[in-house]
Amino acid sequence: MKGDFKIRYRDLDTKGKFIRSIWGGAFSLAFLYWVISVATGVEGNRDFDNVYIKVWLPLVATFIVVGDVVYMYTKWKKEEKSKQ
């Protein structure tokens, strides 16, 4: 029903899951980039002065989030097409 406010992920339809994956992915990537910039910006902190943490971790996380968004979009469109 339109106008229902659903909090739990499993109660959402595929359009709601797609929208939540966009918002959740954006917030999680923003938080990840912020944490990495703060951790690597501290001078003298050699624990995070690593190419895997600076480059590969954000790159892999970005690909995972984009893959999830693309998967949810195709699932949503496939469900809409089957309803017609």
Protein backbone atom coordinates (compact mmCIF):
# COMPACT_ATOMS: atom_id res chain seq x y z
CA MET A 1 0.00 0.00 0.00
CA LYS A 2 1.33 3.43 -0.92
CA GLY A 3 2.27 5.59 2.01
CA ASP A 4 3.26 2.72 4.28
CA PHE A 5 6.47 3.32 6.13
CA LYS A 6 8.40 0.07 6.42
CA ILE A 7 11.57 -0.19 8.44
CA ARG A 8 12.47 -3.84 8.07
CA TYR A 9 14.26 -4.79 4.86
CA ARG A 10 12.34 -8.01 4.30
CA ASP A 11 9.00 -6.15 4.34
CA LEU A 12 10.00 -3.96 1.39
CA ASP A 13 9.12 -4.61 -2.22
CA THR A 14 11.90 -4.71 -4.80
CA LYS A 15 11.62 -1.00 -5.58
CA GLY A 16 12.05 -0.21 -1.89
CA LYS A 17 15.00 -2.56 -1.65
CA PHE A 18 16.58 -0.86 -4.66
CA ILE A 19 16.14 2.58 -3.11
CA ARG A 20 17.48 1.39 0.22
CA SER A 21 20.52 -0.17 -1.46
CA ILE A 22 21.28 3.16 -3.14
CA TRP A 23 21.04 5.11 0.13
CA GLY A 24 22.79 2.48 2.22
CA GLY A 25 25.57 2.07 -0.31
CA ALA A 26 26.15 5.80 -0.55
CA PHE A 27 26.29 6.24 3.23
CA SER A 28 28.54 3.23 3.76
CA LEU A 29 30.98 4.33 1.05
CA ALA A 30 31.04 7.89 2.40
CA PHE A 31 31.78 6.53 5.88
CA LEU A 32 34.49 4.21 4.55
CA TYR A 33 36.20 7.00 2.61
CA TRP A 34 35.98 9.29 5.64
CA VAL A 35 37.52 6.68 7.96
CA ILE A 36 40.35 5.96 5.53
CA SER A 37 41.10 9.64 5.02
CA VAL A 38 41.19 10.25 8.76
CA ALA A 39 43.29 7.16 9.46
CA THR A 40 45.82 7.85 6.71
CA GLY A 41 45.89 11.59 7.32
CA VAL A 42 47.42 11.25 10.76
CA GLU A 43 51.13 11.84 10.49
CA GLY A 44 53.27 9.20 12.01
CA ASN A 45 50.58 6.51 11.70
CA ARG A 46 52.35 3.86 9.65
CA ASP A 47 49.75 1.17 10.32
CA PHE A 48 47.47 2.61 7.65
CA ASP A 49 50.21 3.68 5.27
CA ASN A 50 49.49 0.71 3.03
CA VAL A 51 48.39 0.58 -0.60
CA TYR A 52 45.83 -2.13 0.20
CA ILE A 53 44.03 0.05 2.71
CA LYS A 54 44.37 3.29 0.76
CA VAL A 55 43.49 2.01 -2.71
CA TRP A 56 42.24 -1.56 -2.89
CA LEU A 57 39.80 -1.58 0.02
CA PRO A 58 37.81 1.45 -1.25
CA LEU A 59 37.98 0.18 -4.83
CA VAL A 60 36.64 -3.27 -3.95
CA ALA A 61 33.97 -1.79 -1.68
CA THR A 62 32.85 0.56 -4.45
CA PHE A 63 32.59 -2.32 -6.94
CA ILE A 64 30.55 -4.35 -4.44
CA VAL A 65 28.13 -1.49 -3.80
CA VAL A 66 27.74 -0.72 -7.50
CA GLY A 67 27.21 -4.43 -8.22
CA ASP A 68 24.54 -4.60 -5.53
CA VAL A 69 22.73 -1.55 -6.93
CA VAL A 70 22.83 -2.94 -10.47
CA TYR A 71 21.56 -6.33 -9.24
CA MET A 72 18.68 -4.74 -7.32
CA TYR A 73 17.77 -2.56 -10.32
CA THR A 74 17.62 -5.52 -12.70
CA LYS A 75 15.62 -7.51 -10.16
CA TRP A 76 13.16 -4.61 -9.74
CA LYS A 77 12.73 -4.14 -13.50
CA LYS A 78 12.29 -7.89 -14.04
CA GLU A 79 9.57 -7.98 -11.38
CA GLU A 80 7.81 -4.97 -12.90
CA LYS A 81 7.89 -6.60 -16.33
CA SER A 82 6.44 -9.85 -14.97
CA LYS A 83 3.53 -7.98 -13.33
CA GLN A 84 2.43 -6.50 -16.65
